[in-house]
Amino acid sequence: MTSSSASWSFLTNHAHVLLCISEDPDVTVRDLALQVGITERAVMRIIGELDEAGAIERTREGRRNHYTVHRELHLRHPVEAHRTVGDLVDMVRQGFANAE
């Protein structure tokens, strides 16, 4: 990848966090930050926004969080509002499965 193409991505950090959570519902904020390439504070803000929007639900289990992804929730932007969170997750997972 060239340096100019590394400066942006088709998916937002919100989508990246959501996709990582869908892969590992017990993932830590620290691991999310490392995987997405953002700060732990940014991850916590995004998790709060995803929770507030109803895309995920946080459940405290001891000292850790467990996340549930609400796959039935429709995406927010009018261009993709006919699709759900589950559609997005499935699309990305299928891409990974096809690449293997």
N, C-alpha and C. Protein backbone atom coordinates (compact mmCIF):
# COMPACT_ATOMS: atom_id res chain seq x y z
N MET A 1 0.84 -1.16 0.00
CA MET A 1 0.00 0.00 0.00
C MET A 1 0.89 1.23 0.00
N THR A 2 0.58 2.19 -0.81
CA THR A 2 1.37 3.42 -0.84
C THR A 2 0.94 4.33 0.28
N SER A 3 1.79 5.31 0.58
CA SER A 3 1.48 6.20 1.70
C SER A 3 0.23 7.02 1.44
N SER A 4 -0.05 7.41 0.21
CA SER A 4 -1.24 8.21 -0.07
C SER A 4 -2.51 7.38 0.10
N SER A 5 -2.46 6.10 -0.22
CA SER A 5 -3.65 5.27 -0.07
C SER A 5 -3.86 4.84 1.38
N ALA A 6 -2.85 4.97 2.22
CA ALA A 6 -2.99 4.60 3.63
C ALA A 6 -3.62 5.71 4.46
N SER A 7 -3.85 6.87 3.88
CA SER A 7 -4.36 8.00 4.65
C SER A 7 -5.87 8.00 4.82
N TRP A 8 -6.57 7.09 4.12
CA TRP A 8 -8.02 7.01 4.29
C TRP A 8 -8.47 5.57 4.12
N SER A 9 -9.72 5.32 4.48
CA SER A 9 -10.27 3.98 4.41
C SER A 9 -11.73 4.06 4.00
N PHE A 10 -12.23 3.03 3.35
CA PHE A 10 -13.64 3.02 2.96
C PHE A 10 -14.57 2.93 4.16
N LEU A 11 -14.15 2.27 5.22
CA LEU A 11 -14.98 2.12 6.41
C LEU A 11 -14.48 3.06 7.51
N THR A 12 -15.39 3.51 8.33
CA THR A 12 -15.05 4.40 9.43
C THR A 12 -14.49 3.62 10.61
N ASN A 13 -13.93 4.34 11.57
CA ASN A 13 -13.48 3.69 12.81
C ASN A 13 -14.65 3.06 13.55
N HIS A 14 -15.84 3.65 13.43
CA HIS A 14 -17.02 3.05 14.05
C HIS A 14 -17.27 1.66 13.46
N ALA A 15 -17.18 1.55 12.14
CA ALA A 15 -17.38 0.26 11.49
C ALA A 15 -16.29 -0.72 11.90
N HIS A 16 -15.05 -0.25 11.98
CA HIS A 16 -13.95 -1.13 12.38
C HIS A 16 -14.16 -1.67 13.79
N VAL A 17 -14.55 -0.81 14.71
CA VAL A 17 -14.80 -1.25 16.09
C VAL A 17 -15.95 -2.26 16.11
N LEU A 18 -17.01 -1.95 15.41
CA LEU A 18 -18.17 -2.85 15.35
C LEU A 18 -17.77 -4.21 14.78
N LEU A 19 -17.00 -4.22 13.72
CA LEU A 19 -16.59 -5.49 13.11
C LEU A 19 -15.69 -6.30 14.04
N CYS A 20 -14.80 -5.62 14.74
CA CYS A 20 -13.93 -6.32 15.70
C CYS A 20 -14.75 -6.91 16.84
N ILE A 21 -15.73 -6.15 17.32
CA ILE A 21 -16.59 -6.64 18.40
C ILE A 21 -17.41 -7.84 17.91
N SER A 22 -17.86 -7.79 16.66
CA SER A 22 -18.65 -8.92 16.15
C SER A 22 -17.81 -10.19 16.04
N GLU A 23 -16.51 -10.03 15.83
CA GLU A 23 -15.60 -11.18 15.77
C GLU A 23 -15.27 -11.73 17.16
N ASP A 24 -15.19 -10.82 18.15
CA ASP A 24 -14.83 -11.23 19.51
C ASP A 24 -15.62 -10.39 20.51
N PRO A 25 -16.79 -10.87 20.94
CA PRO A 25 -17.65 -10.10 21.84
C PRO A 25 -17.04 -9.80 23.22
N ASP A 26 -15.91 -10.42 23.53
CA ASP A 26 -15.25 -10.19 24.81
C ASP A 26 -13.95 -9.40 24.65
N VAL A 27 -13.75 -8.79 23.50
CA VAL A 27 -12.53 -8.05 23.21
C VAL A 27 -12.38 -6.88 24.19
N THR A 28 -11.14 -6.57 24.56
CA THR A 28 -10.89 -5.45 25.46
C THR A 28 -10.73 -4.16 24.68
N VAL A 29 -10.92 -3.05 25.37
CA VAL A 29 -10.73 -1.74 24.76
C VAL A 29 -9.30 -1.61 24.26
N ARG A 30 -8.38 -2.10 25.02
CA ARG A 30 -6.97 -2.03 24.63
C ARG A 30 -6.73 -2.78 23.31
N ASP A 31 -7.27 -3.99 23.20
CA ASP A 31 -7.11 -4.77 21.97
C ASP A 31 -7.82 -4.11 20.79
N LEU A 32 -8.99 -3.54 21.04
CA LEU A 32 -9.69 -2.82 19.98
C LEU A 32 -8.84 -1.65 19.47
N ALA A 33 -8.26 -0.92 20.39
CA ALA A 33 -7.43 0.23 20.02
C ALA A 33 -6.26 -0.22 19.15
N LEU A 34 -5.63 -1.32 19.52
CA LEU A 34 -4.51 -1.83 18.74
C LEU A 34 -4.95 -2.32 17.37
N GLN A 35 -6.07 -3.01 17.31
CA GLN A 35 -6.56 -3.55 16.04
C GLN A 35 -6.99 -2.44 15.08
N VAL A 36 -7.67 -1.43 15.60
CA VAL A 36 -8.20 -0.37 14.75
C VAL A 36 -7.15 0.70 14.47
N GLY A 37 -6.20 0.84 15.39
CA GLY A 37 -5.15 1.84 15.21
C GLY A 37 -5.54 3.22 15.71
N ILE A 38 -6.34 3.23 16.78
CA ILE A 38 -6.75 4.48 17.40
C ILE A 38 -6.51 4.38 18.91
N THR A 39 -6.74 5.46 19.62
CA THR A 39 -6.49 5.47 21.06
C THR A 39 -7.60 4.73 21.81
N GLU A 40 -7.28 4.31 23.03
CA GLU A 40 -8.28 3.67 23.88
C GLU A 40 -9.42 4.63 24.17
N ARG A 41 -9.10 5.90 24.35
CA ARG A 41 -10.14 6.91 24.60
C ARG A 41 -11.09 7.00 23.41
N ALA A 42 -10.55 6.97 22.19
CA ALA A 42 -11.40 7.01 20.99
C ALA A 42 -12.28 5.77 20.91
N VAL A 43 -11.72 4.62 21.26
CA VAL A 43 -12.51 3.38 21.26
C VAL A 43 -13.65 3.49 22.26
N MET A 44 -13.37 3.99 23.45
CA MET A 44 -14.42 4.12 24.48
C MET A 44 -15.53 5.06 24.00
N ARG A 45 -15.16 6.14 23.31
CA ARG A 45 -16.15 7.08 22.77
C ARG A 45 -17.00 6.37 21.72
N ILE A 46 -16.36 5.65 20.82
CA ILE A 46 -17.08 4.94 19.76
C ILE A 46 -18.00 3.87 20.35
N ILE A 47 -17.53 3.12 21.33
CA ILE A 47 -18.37 2.11 21.97
C ILE A 47 -19.60 2.78 22.58
N GLY A 48 -19.41 3.90 23.24
CA GLY A 48 -20.54 4.64 23.81
C GLY A 48 -21.53 5.07 22.75
N GLU A 49 -21.03 5.55 21.62
CA GLU A 49 -21.91 5.98 20.54
C GLU A 49 -22.63 4.80 19.89
N LEU A 50 -21.92 3.68 19.70
CA LEU A 50 -22.57 2.49 19.15
C LEU A 50 -23.64 1.96 20.10
N ASP A 51 -23.36 2.01 21.40
CA ASP A 51 -24.32 1.58 22.41
C ASP A 51 -25.53 2.50 22.40
N GLU A 52 -25.30 3.79 22.40
CA GLU A 52 -26.39 4.77 22.39
C GLU A 52 -27.27 4.63 21.15
N ALA A 53 -26.66 4.30 20.02
CA ALA A 53 -27.40 4.14 18.77
C ALA A 53 -28.14 2.81 18.70
N GLY A 54 -27.85 1.90 19.63
CA GLY A 54 -28.52 0.60 19.64
C GLY A 54 -27.84 -0.46 18.80
N ALA A 55 -26.64 -0.18 18.28
CA ALA A 55 -25.92 -1.15 17.44
C ALA A 55 -25.30 -2.25 18.28
N ILE A 56 -24.90 -1.90 19.51
CA ILE A 56 -24.34 -2.89 20.43
C ILE A 56 -24.95 -2.68 21.80
N GLU A 57 -24.76 -3.68 22.64
CA GLU A 57 -25.16 -3.59 24.04
C GLU A 57 -23.99 -4.10 24.88
N ARG A 58 -23.66 -3.33 25.91
CA ARG A 58 -22.57 -3.72 26.82
C ARG A 58 -23.15 -4.38 28.05
N THR A 59 -22.55 -5.49 28.44
CA THR A 59 -22.92 -6.17 29.68
C THR A 59 -21.65 -6.34 30.49
N ARG A 60 -21.69 -5.87 31.70
CA ARG A 60 -20.52 -5.99 32.58
C ARG A 60 -20.44 -7.41 33.12
N GLU A 61 -19.29 -8.05 32.96
CA GLU A 61 -19.06 -9.39 33.50
C GLU A 61 -17.78 -9.33 34.32
N GLY A 62 -17.95 -9.15 35.61
CA GLY A 62 -16.78 -8.97 36.48
C GLY A 62 -16.10 -7.66 36.17
N ARG A 63 -14.83 -7.72 35.82
CA ARG A 63 -14.08 -6.51 35.50
C ARG A 63 -14.07 -6.21 34.00
N ARG A 64 -14.74 -7.04 33.22
CA ARG A 64 -14.71 -6.90 31.77
C ARG A 64 -16.10 -6.66 31.21
N ASN A 65 -16.14 -6.25 29.96
CA ASN A 65 -17.39 -6.08 29.24
C ASN A 65 -17.58 -7.21 28.24
N HIS A 66 -18.82 -7.57 28.04
CA HIS A 66 -19.22 -8.47 26.96
C HIS A 66 -20.15 -7.65 26.08
N TYR A 67 -19.98 -7.78 24.77
CA TYR A 67 -20.77 -6.99 23.84
C TYR A 67 -21.70 -7.89 23.03
N THR A 68 -22.90 -7.39 22.81
CA THR A 68 -23.86 -8.04 21.93
C THR A 68 -24.11 -7.11 20.76
N VAL A 69 -23.95 -7.61 19.55
CA VAL A 69 -24.19 -6.80 18.35
C VAL A 69 -25.65 -6.99 17.95
N HIS A 70 -26.34 -5.90 17.75
CA HIS A 70 -27.74 -5.95 17.32
C HIS A 70 -27.79 -5.91 15.80
N ARG A 71 -27.72 -7.09 15.22
CA ARG A 71 -27.61 -7.27 13.78
C ARG A 71 -28.82 -6.74 13.01
N GLU A 72 -29.95 -6.65 13.65
CA GLU A 72 -31.18 -6.24 12.98
C GLU A 72 -31.29 -4.72 12.78
N LEU A 73 -30.43 -3.96 13.44
CA LEU A 73 -30.48 -2.50 13.35
C LEU A 73 -30.10 -2.04 11.94
N HIS A 74 -30.90 -1.15 11.38
CA HIS A 74 -30.59 -0.61 10.06
C HIS A 74 -29.47 0.42 10.16
N LEU A 75 -28.63 0.46 9.13
CA LEU A 75 -27.53 1.43 9.08
C LEU A 75 -28.11 2.84 8.99
N ARG A 76 -27.34 3.82 9.41
CA ARG A 76 -27.86 5.17 9.62
C ARG A 76 -27.91 6.06 8.39
N HIS A 77 -26.96 5.94 7.50
CA HIS A 77 -26.89 6.85 6.36
C HIS A 77 -27.96 6.47 5.32
N PRO A 78 -28.61 7.46 4.70
CA PRO A 78 -29.67 7.16 3.71
C PRO A 78 -29.20 6.26 2.56
N VAL A 79 -27.93 6.33 2.19
CA VAL A 79 -27.43 5.50 1.08
C VAL A 79 -27.48 4.02 1.43
N GLU A 80 -27.23 3.68 2.70
CA GLU A 80 -27.22 2.26 3.07
C GLU A 80 -28.30 1.91 4.09
N ALA A 81 -29.27 2.77 4.29
CA ALA A 81 -30.30 2.55 5.31
C ALA A 81 -31.16 1.32 5.03
N HIS A 82 -31.14 0.82 3.81
CA HIS A 82 -31.90 -0.39 3.48
C HIS A 82 -31.16 -1.65 3.93
N ARG A 83 -29.97 -1.50 4.48
CA ARG A 83 -29.16 -2.61 4.97
C ARG A 83 -29.05 -2.57 6.49
N THR A 84 -28.73 -3.72 7.07
CA THR A 84 -28.62 -3.80 8.53
C THR A 84 -27.17 -3.96 8.96
N VAL A 85 -26.97 -3.83 10.25
CA VAL A 85 -25.65 -4.07 10.83
C VAL A 85 -25.21 -5.49 10.48
N GLY A 86 -26.11 -6.44 10.55
CA GLY A 86 -25.80 -7.82 10.20
C GLY A 86 -25.35 -7.96 8.75
N ASP A 87 -25.98 -7.21 7.85
CA ASP A 87 -25.57 -7.24 6.45
C ASP A 87 -24.12 -6.79 6.31
N LEU A 88 -23.75 -5.72 7.01
CA LEU A 88 -22.38 -5.20 6.96
C LEU A 88 -21.40 -6.24 7.49
N VAL A 89 -21.71 -6.79 8.64
CA VAL A 89 -20.82 -7.79 9.25
C VAL A 89 -20.67 -8.99 8.32
N ASP A 90 -21.77 -9.46 7.78
CA ASP A 90 -21.73 -10.62 6.89
C ASP A 90 -20.92 -10.33 5.63
N MET A 91 -21.08 -9.13 5.07
CA MET A 91 -20.35 -8.77 3.86
C MET A 91 -18.84 -8.83 4.10
N VAL A 92 -18.40 -8.28 5.21
CA VAL A 92 -16.97 -8.26 5.51
C VAL A 92 -16.48 -9.67 5.82
N ARG A 93 -17.23 -10.43 6.59
CA ARG A 93 -16.84 -11.81 6.91
C ARG A 93 -16.74 -12.67 5.66
N GLN A 94 -17.70 -12.51 4.72
CA GLN A 94 -17.65 -13.26 3.48
C GLN A 94 -16.41 -12.91 2.69
N GLY A 95 -16.03 -11.65 2.71
CA GLY A 95 -14.83 -11.22 2.02
C GLY A 95 -13.60 -11.90 2.58
N PHE A 96 -13.53 -12.03 3.91
CA PHE A 96 -12.41 -12.72 4.54
C PHE A 96 -12.43 -14.21 4.22
N ALA A 97 -13.62 -14.81 4.23
CA ALA A 97 -13.74 -16.24 3.95
C ALA A 97 -13.34 -16.54 2.51
N ASN A 98 -13.71 -15.67 1.59
CA ASN A 98 -13.37 -15.87 0.19
C ASN A 98 -11.88 -15.66 -0.07
N ALA A 99 -11.23 -14.84 0.76
CA ALA A 99 -9.80 -14.56 0.57
C ALA A 99 -8.94 -15.70 1.07
N GLU A 100 -9.47 -16.55 1.92
CA GLU A 100 -8.67 -17.64 2.51
C GLU A 100 -8.55 -18.82 1.62
